Amino acid sequence: MRYADMIGLRIRSLREAKGYSQDYMAECLAISQSNYACLESGKTAMRVDRLVEILNVLDADISSVFTAMPPAASKEETSAEKFATYPDLKLIYDQLFEEMRDEIIFLRSLVMQQQVVRG
């Protein structure tokens, strides 16, 4: 399972726990319901800023997306045990963190450019 799918499933779970519909979420985000559905299903790439917007609507912390355990895992499992049970889980986390690192580097470069222009 791709990390985008896992993030989408976790967001869906958080949304349903709040009793929010996809229509409600889309309205809060000023996008169409179909665009929101594509984000939640992983068909559309989730930008970090969009993820933050979604989590704000859900009143959830970003850790609630990334610390979600696979459905069959028990809460007593350590990280090492989870990775042993779900070998692709580490790969998914590694890919996600790499993409987030790249986006942070990009955003920092934009900030630096703005400082040079204003400075």
PDB file of N, CA and C in Angstrom:
ATOM      1  N   MET A   1       0.845  -1.178   0.000  1.00  0.00           N
ATOM      2  CA  MET A   1       0.000   0.000   0.000  1.00  0.00           C
ATOM      3  C   MET A   1       0.888   1.237   0.000  1.00  0.00           C
ATOM      4  N   ARG A   2       0.581   2.197  -0.882  1.00  0.00           N
ATOM      5  CA  ARG A   2       1.352   3.436  -0.964  1.00  0.00           C
ATOM      6  C   ARG A   2       1.090   4.301   0.265  1.00  0.00           C
ATOM      7  N   TYR A   3       2.086   5.129   0.614  1.00  0.00           N
ATOM      8  CA  TYR A   3       1.904   5.992   1.780  1.00  0.00           C
ATOM      9  C   TYR A   3       0.740   6.950   1.578  1.00  0.00           C
ATOM     10  N   ALA A   4       0.520   7.408   0.328  1.00  0.00           N
ATOM     11  CA  ALA A   4      -0.603   8.318   0.054  1.00  0.00           C
ATOM     12  C   ALA A   4      -1.934   7.642   0.378  1.00  0.00           C
ATOM     13  N   ASP A   5      -2.024   6.352   0.096  1.00  0.00           N
ATOM     14  CA  ASP A   5      -3.243   5.609   0.418  1.00  0.00           C
ATOM     15  C   ASP A   5      -3.432   5.514   1.929  1.00  0.00           C
ATOM     16  N   MET A   6      -2.333   5.270   2.641  1.00  0.00           N
ATOM     17  CA  MET A   6      -2.420   5.160   4.096  1.00  0.00           C
ATOM     18  C   MET A   6      -2.807   6.485   4.733  1.00  0.00           C
ATOM     19  N   ILE A   7      -2.246   7.575   4.220  1.00  0.00           N
ATOM     20  CA  ILE A   7      -2.601   8.894   4.749  1.00  0.00           C
ATOM     21  C   ILE A   7      -4.072   9.171   4.480  1.00  0.00           C
ATOM     22  N   GLY A   8      -4.509   8.874   3.259  1.00  0.00           N
ATOM     23  CA  GLY A   8      -5.913   9.076   2.911  1.00  0.00           C
ATOM     24  C   GLY A   8      -6.847   8.269   3.784  1.00  0.00           C
ATOM     25  N   LEU A   9      -6.488   7.014   4.050  1.00  0.00           N
ATOM     26  CA  LEU A   9      -7.320   6.175   4.912  1.00  0.00           C
ATOM     27  C   LEU A   9      -7.383   6.726   6.330  1.00  0.00           C
ATOM     28  N   ARG A  10      -6.259   7.226   6.807  1.00  0.00           N
ATOM     29  CA  ARG A  10      -6.237   7.777   8.169  1.00  0.00           C
ATOM     30  C   ARG A  10      -7.068   9.058   8.241  1.00  0.00           C
ATOM     31  N   ILE A  11      -6.959   9.893   7.213  1.00  0.00           N
ATOM     32  CA  ILE A  11      -7.764  11.117   7.173  1.00  0.00           C
ATOM     33  C   ILE A  11      -9.246  10.763   7.115  1.00  0.00           C
ATOM     34  N   ARG A  12      -9.575   9.776   6.313  1.00  0.00           N
ATOM     35  CA  ARG A  12     -10.975   9.345   6.232  1.00  0.00           C
ATOM     36  C   ARG A  12     -11.468   8.881   7.598  1.00  0.00           C
ATOM     37  N   SER A  13     -10.635   8.113   8.275  1.00  0.00           N
ATOM     38  CA  SER A  13     -10.993   7.622   9.602  1.00  0.00           C
ATOM     39  C   SER A  13     -11.223   8.777  10.576  1.00  0.00           C
ATOM     40  N   LEU A  14     -10.338   9.762  10.557  1.00  0.00           N
ATOM     41  CA  LEU A  14     -10.483  10.925  11.429  1.00  0.00           C
ATOM     42  C   LEU A  14     -11.749  11.711  11.078  1.00  0.00           C
ATOM     43  N   ARG A  15     -11.996  11.868   9.770  1.00  0.00           N
ATOM     44  CA  ARG A  15     -13.184  12.599   9.320  1.00  0.00           C
ATOM     45  C   ARG A  15     -14.457  11.897   9.765  1.00  0.00           C
ATOM     46  N   GLU A  16     -14.505  10.591   9.571  1.00  0.00           N
ATOM     47  CA  GLU A  16     -15.692   9.827   9.955  1.00  0.00           C
ATOM     48  C   GLU A  16     -15.893   9.835  11.466  1.00  0.00           C
ATOM     49  N   ALA A  17     -14.797   9.805  12.216  1.00  0.00           N
ATOM     50  CA  ALA A  17     -14.906   9.858  13.677  1.00  0.00           C
ATOM     51  C   ALA A  17     -15.524  11.179  14.135  1.00  0.00           C
ATOM     52  N   LYS A  18     -15.289  12.237  13.396  1.00  0.00           N
ATOM     53  CA  LYS A  18     -15.878  13.543  13.707  1.00  0.00           C
ATOM     54  C   LYS A  18     -17.310  13.654  13.191  1.00  0.00           C
ATOM     55  N   GLY A  19     -17.713  12.714  12.325  1.00  0.00           N
ATOM     56  CA  GLY A  19     -19.050  12.776  11.748  1.00  0.00           C
ATOM     57  C   GLY A  19     -19.151  13.757  10.592  1.00  0.00           C
ATOM     58  N   TYR A  20     -18.013  14.111  10.008  1.00  0.00           N
ATOM     59  CA  TYR A  20     -18.001  15.057   8.900  1.00  0.00           C
ATOM     60  C   TYR A  20     -18.166  14.323   7.574  1.00  0.00           C
ATOM     61  N   SER A  21     -18.863  14.927   6.659  1.00  0.00           N
ATOM     62  CA  SER A  21     -19.009  14.369   5.311  1.00  0.00           C
ATOM     63  C   SER A  21     -17.887  14.901   4.420  1.00  0.00           C
ATOM     64  N   GLN A  22     -17.701  14.255   3.291  1.00  0.00           N
ATOM     65  CA  GLN A  22     -16.733  14.764   2.316  1.00  0.00           C
ATOM     66  C   GLN A  22     -17.190  16.129   1.802  1.00  0.00           C
ATOM     67  N   ASP A  23     -18.485  16.320   1.659  1.00  0.00           N
ATOM     68  CA  ASP A  23     -19.013  17.618   1.222  1.00  0.00           C
ATOM     69  C   ASP A  23     -18.621  18.718   2.212  1.00  0.00           C
ATOM     70  N   TYR A  24     -18.768  18.434   3.497  1.00  0.00           N
ATOM     71  CA  TYR A  24     -18.421  19.414   4.524  1.00  0.00           C
ATOM     72  C   TYR A  24     -16.934  19.757   4.455  1.00  0.00           C
ATOM     73  N   MET A  25     -16.102  18.733   4.347  1.00  0.00           N
ATOM     74  CA  MET A  25     -14.661  18.953   4.284  1.00  0.00           C
ATOM     75  C   MET A  25     -14.300  19.785   3.050  1.00  0.00           C
ATOM     76  N   ALA A  26     -14.898  19.437   1.922  1.00  0.00           N
ATOM     77  CA  ALA A  26     -14.621  20.166   0.688  1.00  0.00           C
ATOM     78  C   ALA A  26     -15.017  21.636   0.829  1.00  0.00           C
ATOM     79  N   GLU A  27     -16.161  21.879   1.438  1.00  0.00           N
ATOM     80  CA  GLU A  27     -16.616  23.252   1.641  1.00  0.00           C
ATOM     81  C   GLU A  27     -15.642  24.025   2.523  1.00  0.00           C
ATOM     82  N   CYS A  28     -15.171  23.398   3.588  1.00  0.00           N
ATOM     83  CA  CYS A  28     -14.213  24.049   4.486  1.00  0.00           C
ATOM     84  C   CYS A  28     -12.890  24.359   3.778  1.00  0.00           C
ATOM     85  N   LEU A  29     -12.538  23.526   2.821  1.00  0.00           N
ATOM     86  CA  LEU A  29     -11.270  23.681   2.107  1.00  0.00           C
ATOM     87  C   LEU A  29     -11.419  24.481   0.817  1.00  0.00           C
ATOM     88  N   ALA A  30     -12.652  24.871   0.509  1.00  0.00           N
ATOM     89  CA  ALA A  30     -12.956  25.632  -0.711  1.00  0.00           C
ATOM     90  C   ALA A  30     -12.547  24.875  -1.974  1.00  0.00           C
ATOM     91  N   ILE A  31     -12.855  23.574  -1.987  1.00  0.00           N
ATOM     92  CA  ILE A  31     -12.631  22.743  -3.165  1.00  0.00           C
ATOM     93  C   ILE A  31     -13.891  21.926  -3.412  1.00  0.00           C
ATOM     94  N   SER A  32     -13.948  21.253  -4.545  1.00  0.00           N
ATOM     95  CA  SER A  32     -15.119  20.430  -4.835  1.00  0.00           C
ATOM     96  C   SER A  32     -15.056  19.127  -4.036  1.00  0.00           C
ATOM     97  N   GLN A  33     -16.203  18.505  -3.867  1.00  0.00           N
ATOM     98  CA  GLN A  33     -16.263  17.229  -3.156  1.00  0.00           C
ATOM     99  C   GLN A  33     -15.449  16.179  -3.899  1.00  0.00           C
ATOM    100  N   SER A  34     -15.493  16.190  -5.228  1.00  0.00           N
ATOM    101  CA  SER A  34     -14.741  15.199  -5.997  1.00  0.00           C
ATOM    102  C   SER A  34     -13.238  15.402  -5.831  1.00  0.00           C
ATOM    103  N   ASN A  35     -12.793  16.663  -5.756  1.00  0.00           N
ATOM    104  CA  ASN A  35     -11.367  16.915  -5.505  1.00  0.00           C
ATOM    105  C   ASN A  35     -10.967  16.426  -4.119  1.00  0.00           C
ATOM    106  N   TYR A  36     -11.846  16.657  -3.144  1.00  0.00           N
ATOM    107  CA  TYR A  36     -11.551  16.173  -1.796  1.00  0.00           C
ATOM    108  C   TYR A  36     -11.487  14.644  -1.786  1.00  0.00           C
ATOM    109  N   ALA A  37     -12.434  14.015  -2.464  1.00  0.00           N
ATOM    110  CA  ALA A  37     -12.458  12.547  -2.511  1.00  0.00           C
ATOM    111  C   ALA A  37     -11.166  12.008  -3.122  1.00  0.00           C
ATOM    112  N   CYS A  38     -10.651  12.693  -4.136  1.00  0.00           N
ATOM    113  CA  CYS A  38      -9.390  12.261  -4.751  1.00  0.00           C
ATOM    114  C   CYS A  38      -8.217  12.393  -3.786  1.00  0.00           C
ATOM    115  N   LEU A  39      -8.231  13.425  -2.955  1.00  0.00           N
ATOM    116  CA  LEU A  39      -7.184  13.570  -1.939  1.00  0.00           C
ATOM    117  C   LEU A  39      -7.250  12.427  -0.937  1.00  0.00           C
ATOM    118  N   GLU A  40      -8.465  12.160  -0.475  1.00  0.00           N
ATOM    119  CA  GLU A  40      -8.661  11.140   0.547  1.00  0.00           C
ATOM    120  C   GLU A  40      -8.353   9.740   0.024  1.00  0.00           C
ATOM    121  N   SER A  41      -8.606   9.516  -1.255  1.00  0.00           N
ATOM    122  CA  SER A  41      -8.362   8.190  -1.834  1.00  0.00           C
ATOM    123  C   SER A  41      -6.932   8.007  -2.318  1.00  0.00           C
ATOM    124  N   GLY A  42      -6.159   9.084  -2.321  1.00  0.00           N
ATOM    125  CA  GLY A  42      -4.778   8.997  -2.772  1.00  0.00           C
ATOM    126  C   GLY A  42      -4.619   9.157  -4.272  1.00  0.00           C
ATOM    127  N   LYS A  43      -5.712   9.455  -4.976  1.00  0.00           N
ATOM    128  CA  LYS A  43      -5.630   9.644  -6.432  1.00  0.00           C
ATOM    129  C   LYS A  43      -4.940  10.959  -6.783  1.00  0.00           C
ATOM    130  N   THR A  44      -5.031  11.931  -5.886  1.00  0.00           N
ATOM    131  CA  THR A  44      -4.354  13.213  -6.049  1.00  0.00           C
ATOM    132  C   THR A  44      -3.307  13.328  -4.958  1.00  0.00           C
ATOM    133  N   ALA A  45      -2.120  13.763  -5.339  1.00  0.00           N
ATOM    134  CA  ALA A  45      -1.034  13.914  -4.363  1.00  0.00           C
ATOM    135  C   ALA A  45      -1.422  14.942  -3.309  1.00  0.00           C
ATOM    136  N   MET A  46      -1.082  14.625  -2.090  1.00  0.00           N
ATOM    137  CA  MET A  46      -1.400  15.497  -0.957  1.00  0.00           C
ATOM    138  C   MET A  46      -0.205  16.403  -0.680  1.00  0.00           C
ATOM    139  N   ARG A  47      -0.377  17.694  -0.909  1.00  0.00           N
ATOM    140  CA  ARG A  47       0.653  18.659  -0.557  1.00  0.00           C
ATOM    141  C   ARG A  47       0.641  18.847   0.958  1.00  0.00           C
ATOM    142  N   VAL A  48       1.772  19.221   1.501  1.00  0.00           N
ATOM    143  CA  VAL A  48       1.881  19.398   2.948  1.00  0.00           C
ATOM    144  C   VAL A  48       0.924  20.484   3.424  1.00  0.00           C
ATOM    145  N   ASP A  49       0.828  21.583   2.688  1.00  0.00           N
ATOM    146  CA  ASP A  49      -0.062  22.661   3.126  1.00  0.00           C
ATOM    147  C   ASP A  49      -1.521  22.225   3.113  1.00  0.00           C
ATOM    148  N   ARG A  50      -1.899  21.391   2.148  1.00  0.00           N
ATOM    149  CA  ARG A  50      -3.278  20.887   2.102  1.00  0.00           C
ATOM    150  C   ARG A  50      -3.521  19.935   3.268  1.00  0.00           C
ATOM    151  N   LEU A  51      -2.531  19.093   3.574  1.00  0.00           N
ATOM    152  CA  LEU A  51      -2.660  18.183   4.710  1.00  0.00           C
ATOM    153  C   LEU A  51      -2.859  18.977   6.002  1.00  0.00           C
ATOM    154  N   VAL A  52      -2.109  20.052   6.159  1.00  0.00           N
ATOM    155  CA  VAL A  52      -2.245  20.890   7.354  1.00  0.00           C
ATOM    156  C   VAL A  52      -3.642  21.507   7.407  1.00  0.00           C
ATOM    157  N   GLU A  53      -4.162  21.972   6.257  1.00  0.00           N
ATOM    158  CA  GLU A  53      -5.512  22.541   6.219  1.00  0.00           C
ATOM    159  C   GLU A  53      -6.549  21.496   6.647  1.00  0.00           C
ATOM    160  N   ILE A  54      -6.409  20.289   6.128  1.00  0.00           N
ATOM    161  CA  ILE A  54      -7.347  19.211   6.462  1.00  0.00           C
ATOM    162  C   ILE A  54      -7.285  18.908   7.955  1.00  0.00           C
ATOM    163  N   LEU A  55      -6.077  18.814   8.480  1.00  0.00           N
ATOM    164  CA  LEU A  55      -5.923  18.518   9.902  1.00  0.00           C
ATOM    165  C   LEU A  55      -6.476  19.639  10.770  1.00  0.00           C
ATOM    166  N   ASN A  56      -6.380  20.876  10.303  1.00  0.00           N
ATOM    167  CA  ASN A  56      -6.967  21.995  11.041  1.00  0.00           C
ATOM    168  C   ASN A  56      -8.486  21.863  11.093  1.00  0.00           C
ATOM    169  N   VAL A  57      -9.106  21.504   9.979  1.00  0.00           N
ATOM    170  CA  VAL A  57     -10.560  21.318   9.955  1.00  0.00           C
ATOM    171  C   VAL A  57     -10.945  20.179  10.898  1.00  0.00           C
ATOM    172  N   LEU A  58     -10.142  19.135  10.905  1.00  0.00           N
ATOM    173  CA  LEU A  58     -10.425  17.971  11.744  1.00  0.00           C
ATOM    174  C   LEU A  58      -9.987  18.176  13.196  1.00  0.00           C
ATOM    175  N   ASP A  59      -9.347  19.309  13.465  1.00  0.00           N
ATOM    176  CA  ASP A  59      -8.810  19.598  14.790  1.00  0.00           C
ATOM    177  C   ASP A  59      -7.921  18.443  15.259  1.00  0.00           C
ATOM    178  N   ALA A  60      -7.030  18.039  14.347  1.00  0.00           N
ATOM    179  CA  ALA A  60      -6.148  16.906  14.619  1.00  0.00           C
ATOM    180  C   ALA A  60      -4.698  17.340  14.436  1.00  0.00           C
ATOM    181  N   ASP A  61      -3.822  16.663  15.122  1.00  0.00           N
ATOM    182  CA  ASP A  61      -2.395  16.910  15.038  1.00  0.00           C
ATOM    183  C   ASP A  61      -1.819  16.045  13.918  1.00  0.00           C
ATOM    184  N   ILE A  62      -0.746  16.519  13.296  1.00  0.00           N
ATOM    185  CA  ILE A  62      -0.136  15.762  12.198  1.00  0.00           C
ATOM    186  C   ILE A  62       0.325  14.380  12.665  1.00  0.00           C
ATOM    187  N   SER A  63       0.670  14.265  13.939  1.00  0.00           N
ATOM    188  CA  SER A  63       1.097  12.956  14.443  1.00  0.00           C
ATOM    189  C   SER A  63      -0.043  11.943  14.400  1.00  0.00           C
ATOM    190  N   SER A  64      -1.281  12.421  14.410  1.00  0.00           N
ATOM    191  CA  SER A  64      -2.417  11.490  14.352  1.00  0.00           C
ATOM    192  C   SER A  64      -2.495  10.783  13.020  1.00  0.00           C
ATOM    193  N   VAL A  65      -1.896  11.367  11.996  1.00  0.00           N
ATOM    194  CA  VAL A  65      -1.865  10.725  10.679  1.00  0.00           C
ATOM    195  C   VAL A  65      -0.716   9.731  10.598  1.00  0.00           C
ATOM    196  N   PHE A  66       0.428  10.110  11.139  1.00  0.00           N
ATOM    197  CA  PHE A  66       1.620   9.293  10.972  1.00  0.00           C
ATOM    198  C   PHE A  66       1.834   8.268  12.069  1.00  0.00           C
ATOM    199  N   THR A  67       1.131   8.376  13.172  1.00  0.00           N
ATOM    200  CA  THR A  67       1.280   7.374  14.218  1.00  0.00           C
ATOM    201  C   THR A  67       0.157   6.356  14.174  1.00  0.00           C
ATOM    202  N   ALA A  68      -0.704   6.460  13.172  1.00  0.00           N
ATOM    203  CA  ALA A  68      -1.800   5.498  13.047  1.00  0.00           C
ATOM    204  C   ALA A  68      -1.225   4.121  12.796  1.00  0.00           C
ATOM    205  N   MET A  69      -1.725   3.172  13.520  1.00  0.00           N
ATOM    206  CA  MET A  69      -1.244   1.815  13.373  1.00  0.00           C
ATOM    207  C   MET A  69      -2.064   1.101  12.315  1.00  0.00           C
ATOM    208  N   PRO A  70      -1.451   0.198  11.573  1.00  0.00           N
ATOM    209  CA  PRO A  70      -2.223  -0.601  10.636  1.00  0.00           C
ATOM    210  C   PRO A  70      -3.333  -1.321  11.388  1.00  0.00           C
ATOM    211  N   PRO A  71      -4.479  -1.555  10.757  1.00  0.00           N
ATOM    212  CA  PRO A  71      -5.637  -2.095  11.456  1.00  0.00           C
ATOM    213  C   PRO A  71      -5.390  -3.365  12.262  1.00  0.00           C
ATOM    214  N   ALA A  72      -4.538  -4.247  11.798  1.00  0.00           N
ATOM    215  CA  ALA A  72      -4.340  -5.518  12.486  1.00  0.00           C
ATOM    216  C   ALA A  72      -3.303  -5.434  13.606  1.00  0.00           C
ATOM    217  N   ALA A  73      -2.617  -4.312  13.738  1.00  0.00           N
ATOM    218  CA  ALA A  73      -1.550  -4.206  14.732  1.00  0.00           C
ATOM    219  C   ALA A  73      -2.131  -3.945  16.109  1.00  0.00           C
ATOM    220  N   SER A  74      -1.481  -4.494  17.104  1.00  0.00           N
ATOM    221  CA  SER A  74      -1.922  -4.247  18.469  1.00  0.00           C
ATOM    222  C   SER A  74      -1.212  -3.014  19.007  1.00  0.00           C
ATOM    223  N   LYS A  75      -1.771  -2.374  20.006  1.00  0.00           N
ATOM    224  CA  LYS A  75      -1.190  -1.149  20.546  1.00  0.00           C
ATOM    225  C   LYS A  75       0.089  -1.425  21.327  1.00  0.00           C
ATOM    226  N   GLU A  76       0.322  -2.662  21.700  1.00  0.00           N
ATOM    227  CA  GLU A  76       1.508  -2.989  22.481  1.00  0.00           C
ATOM    228  C   GLU A  76       2.744  -3.199  21.611  1.00  0.00           C
ATOM    229  N   GLU A  77       2.591  -3.250  20.310  1.00  0.00           N
ATOM    230  CA  GLU A  77       3.724  -3.475  19.433  1.00  0.00           C
ATOM    231  C   GLU A  77       4.679  -2.288  19.468  1.00  0.00           C
ATOM    232  N   THR A  78       5.969  -2.583  19.476  1.00  0.00           N
ATOM    233  CA  THR A  78       6.966  -1.523  19.371  1.00  0.00           C
ATOM    234  C   THR A  78       7.138  -1.182  17.898  1.00  0.00           C
ATOM    235  N   SER A  79       7.851  -0.093  17.627  1.00  0.00           N
ATOM    236  CA  SER A  79       8.113   0.292  16.240  1.00  0.00           C
ATOM    237  C   SER A  79       8.845  -0.823  15.504  1.00  0.00           C
ATOM    238  N   ALA A  80       9.823  -1.416  16.147  1.00  0.00           N
ATOM    239  CA  ALA A  80      10.581  -2.490  15.510  1.00  0.00           C
ATOM    240  C   ALA A  80       9.675  -3.666  15.164  1.00  0.00           C
ATOM    241  N   GLU A  81       8.747  -3.998  16.063  1.00  0.00           N
ATOM    242  CA  GLU A  81       7.820  -5.104  15.797  1.00  0.00           C
ATOM    243  C   GLU A  81       6.875  -4.757  14.652  1.00  0.00           C
ATOM    244  N   LYS A  82       6.416  -3.494  14.596  1.00  0.00           N
ATOM    245  CA  LYS A  82       5.540  -3.082  13.495  1.00  0.00           C
ATOM    246  C   LYS A  82       6.273  -3.215  12.173  1.00  0.00           C
ATOM    247  N   PHE A  83       7.529  -2.763  12.142  1.00  0.00           N
ATOM    248  CA  PHE A  83       8.281  -2.834  10.901  1.00  0.00           C
ATOM    249  C   PHE A  83       8.561  -4.277  10.507  1.00  0.00           C
ATOM    250  N   ALA A  84       8.728  -5.149  11.491  1.00  0.00           N
ATOM    251  CA  ALA A  84       8.947  -6.561  11.186  1.00  0.00           C
ATOM    252  C   ALA A  84       7.666  -7.199  10.660  1.00  0.00           C
ATOM    253  N   THR A  85       6.525  -6.820  11.239  1.00  0.00           N
ATOM    254  CA  THR A  85       5.237  -7.368  10.818  1.00  0.00           C
ATOM    255  C   THR A  85       4.795  -6.779   9.481  1.00  0.00           C
ATOM    256  N   TYR A  86       5.080  -5.516   9.277  1.00  0.00           N
ATOM    257  CA  TYR A  86       4.688  -4.804   8.059  1.00  0.00           C
ATOM    258  C   TYR A  86       5.946  -4.226   7.425  1.00  0.00           C
ATOM    259  N   PRO A  87       6.725  -5.034   6.702  1.00  0.00           N
ATOM    260  CA  PRO A  87       8.015  -4.572   6.189  1.00  0.00           C
ATOM    261  C   PRO A  87       7.892  -3.362   5.272  1.00  0.00           C
ATOM    262  N   ASP A  88       6.781  -3.214   4.575  1.00  0.00           N
ATOM    263  CA  ASP A  88       6.650  -2.061   3.695  1.00  0.00           C
ATOM    264  C   ASP A  88       6.311  -0.789   4.470  1.00  0.00           C
ATOM    265  N   LEU A  89       5.942  -0.910   5.740  1.00  0.00           N
ATOM    266  CA  LEU A  89       5.602   0.258   6.542  1.00  0.00           C
ATOM    267  C   LEU A  89       6.810   1.172   6.703  1.00  0.00           C
ATOM    268  N   LYS A  90       7.967   0.615   6.975  1.00  0.00           N
ATOM    269  CA  LYS A  90       9.181   1.435   7.109  1.00  0.00           C
ATOM    270  C   LYS A  90       9.474   2.134   5.793  1.00  0.00           C
ATOM    271  N   LEU A  91       9.337   1.439   4.694  1.00  0.00           N
ATOM    272  CA  LEU A  91       9.567   2.039   3.385  1.00  0.00           C
ATOM    273  C   LEU A  91       8.600   3.193   3.141  1.00  0.00           C
ATOM    274  N   ILE A  92       7.359   3.009   3.526  1.00  0.00           N
ATOM    275  CA  ILE A  92       6.346   4.053   3.358  1.00  0.00           C
ATOM    276  C   ILE A  92       6.723   5.280   4.179  1.00  0.00           C
ATOM    277  N   TYR A  93       7.069   5.073   5.446  1.00  0.00           N
ATOM    278  CA  TYR A  93       7.472   6.192   6.294  1.00  0.00           C
ATOM    279  C   TYR A  93       8.725   6.866   5.732  1.00  0.00           C
ATOM    280  N   ASP A  94       9.693   6.073   5.304  1.00  0.00           N
ATOM    281  CA  ASP A  94      10.923   6.642   4.753  1.00  0.00           C
ATOM    282  C   ASP A  94      10.635   7.493   3.518  1.00  0.00           C
ATOM    283  N   GLN A  95       9.767   7.000   2.627  1.00  0.00           N
ATOM    284  CA  GLN A  95       9.412   7.761   1.425  1.00  0.00           C
ATOM    285  C   GLN A  95       8.706   9.063   1.800  1.00  0.00           C
ATOM    286  N   LEU A  96       7.798   8.975   2.729  1.00  0.00           N
ATOM    287  CA  LEU A  96       7.055  10.157   3.149  1.00  0.00           C
ATOM    288  C   LEU A  96       7.988  11.195   3.773  1.00  0.00           C
ATOM    289  N   PHE A  97       8.865  10.769   4.660  1.00  0.00           N
ATOM    290  CA  PHE A  97       9.785  11.695   5.296  1.00  0.00           C
ATOM    291  C   PHE A  97      10.750  12.298   4.275  1.00  0.00           C
ATOM    292  N   GLU A  98      11.166  11.521   3.297  1.00  0.00           N
ATOM    293  CA  GLU A  98      12.044  12.039   2.248  1.00  0.00           C
ATOM    294  C   GLU A  98      11.328  13.118   1.439  1.00  0.00           C
ATOM    295  N   GLU A  99      10.082  12.877   1.081  1.00  0.00           N
ATOM    296  CA  GLU A  99       9.314  13.878   0.334  1.00  0.00           C
ATOM    297  C   GLU A  99       9.091  15.128   1.175  1.00  0.00           C
ATOM    298  N   MET A 100       8.792  14.936   2.452  1.00  0.00           N
ATOM    299  CA  MET A 100       8.589  16.090   3.334  1.00  0.00           C
ATOM    300  C   MET A 100       9.894  16.867   3.496  1.00  0.00           C
ATOM    301  N   ARG A 101      11.006  16.178   3.597  1.00  0.00           N
ATOM    302  CA  ARG A 101      12.315  16.829   3.711  1.00  0.00           C
ATOM    303  C   ARG A 101      12.577  17.657   2.461  1.00  0.00           C
ATOM    304  N   ASP A 102      12.310  17.088   1.288  1.00  0.00           N
ATOM    305  CA  ASP A 102      12.513  17.805   0.033  1.00  0.00           C
ATOM    306  C   ASP A 102      11.620  19.049  -0.035  1.00  0.00           C
ATOM    307  N   GLU A 103      10.391  18.918   0.414  1.00  0.00           N
ATOM    308  CA  GLU A 103       9.484  20.061   0.392  1.00  0.00           C
ATOM    309  C   GLU A 103       9.941  21.142   1.371  1.00  0.00           C
ATOM    310  N   ILE A 104      10.437  20.745   2.520  1.00  0.00           N
ATOM    311  CA  ILE A 104      10.949  21.715   3.489  1.00  0.00           C
ATOM    312  C   ILE A 104      12.147  22.454   2.915  1.00  0.00           C
ATOM    313  N   ILE A 105      13.040  21.738   2.259  1.00  0.00           N
ATOM    314  CA  ILE A 105      14.202  22.375   1.628  1.00  0.00           C
ATOM    315  C   ILE A 105      13.743  23.378   0.574  1.00  0.00           C
ATOM    316  N   PHE A 106      12.765  22.976  -0.232  1.00  0.00           N
ATOM    317  CA  PHE A 106      12.226  23.868  -1.253  1.00  0.00           C
ATOM    318  C   PHE A 106      11.608  25.112  -0.620  1.00  0.00           C
ATOM    319  N   LEU A 107      10.796  24.919   0.417  1.00  0.00           N
ATOM    320  CA  LEU A 107      10.143  26.053   1.077  1.00  0.00           C
ATOM    321  C   LEU A 107      11.167  26.983   1.721  1.00  0.00           C
ATOM    322  N   ARG A 108      12.192  26.409   2.305  1.00  0.00           N
ATOM    323  CA  ARG A 108      13.250  27.238   2.898  1.00  0.00           C
ATOM    324  C   ARG A 108      13.930  28.081   1.822  1.00  0.00           C
ATOM    325  N   SER A 109      14.156  27.485   0.637  1.00  0.00           N
ATOM    326  CA  SER A 109      14.792  28.244  -0.442  1.00  0.00           C
ATOM    327  C   SER A 109      13.898  29.401  -0.888  1.00  0.00           C
ATOM    328  N   LEU A 110      12.587  29.192  -0.906  1.00  0.00           N
ATOM    329  CA  LEU A 110      11.668  30.270  -1.250  1.00  0.00           C
ATOM    330  C   LEU A 110      11.736  31.396  -0.223  1.00  0.00           C
ATOM    331  N   VAL A 111      11.773  31.034   1.044  1.00  0.00           N
ATOM    332  CA  VAL A 111      11.869  32.033   2.111  1.00  0.00           C
ATOM    333  C   VAL A 111      13.171  32.815   1.969  1.00  0.00           C
ATOM    334  N   MET A 112      14.250  32.119   1.716  1.00  0.00           N
ATOM    335  CA  MET A 112      15.548  32.776   1.560  1.00  0.00           C
ATOM    336  C   MET A 112      15.518  33.734   0.371  1.00  0.00           C
ATOM    337  N   GLN A 113      14.906  33.331  -0.735  1.00  0.00           N
ATOM    338  CA  GLN A 113      14.802  34.196  -1.909  1.00  0.00           C
ATOM    339  C   GLN A 113      14.009  35.457  -1.573  1.00  0.00           C
ATOM    340  N   GLN A 114      12.913  35.295  -0.812  1.00  0.00           N
ATOM    341  CA  GLN A 114      12.106  36.445  -0.424  1.00  0.00           C
ATOM    342  C   GLN A 114      12.890  37.393   0.478  1.00  0.00           C
ATOM    343  N   GLN A 115      13.714  36.836   1.353  1.00  0.00           N
ATOM    344  CA  GLN A 115      14.521  37.669   2.237  1.00  0.00           C
ATOM    345  C   GLN A 115      15.558  38.455   1.455  1.00  0.00           C
ATOM    346  N   VAL A 116      16.127  37.833   0.432  1.00  0.00           N
ATOM    347  CA  VAL A 116      17.133  38.503  -0.399  1.00  0.00           C
ATOM    348  C   VAL A 116      16.464  39.636  -1.189  1.00  0.00           C
ATOM    349  N   VAL A 117      15.278  39.363  -1.730  1.00  0.00           N
ATOM    350  CA  VAL A 117      14.561  40.371  -2.507  1.00  0.00           C
ATOM    351  C   VAL A 117      14.177  41.555  -1.626  1.00  0.00           C
ATOM    352  N   ARG A 118      13.729  41.293  -0.413  1.00  0.00           N
ATOM    353  CA  ARG A 118      13.285  42.353   0.501  1.00  0.00           C
ATOM    354  C   ARG A 118      14.458  43.038   1.205  1.00  0.00           C
ATOM    355  N   GLY A 119      15.553  42.290   1.350  1.00  0.00           N
ATOM    356  CA  GLY A 119      16.648  42.713   2.180  1.00  0.00           C
ATOM    357  C   GLY A 119      17.488  43.784   1.651  1.00  0.00           C
TER     358      GLY A 119
END
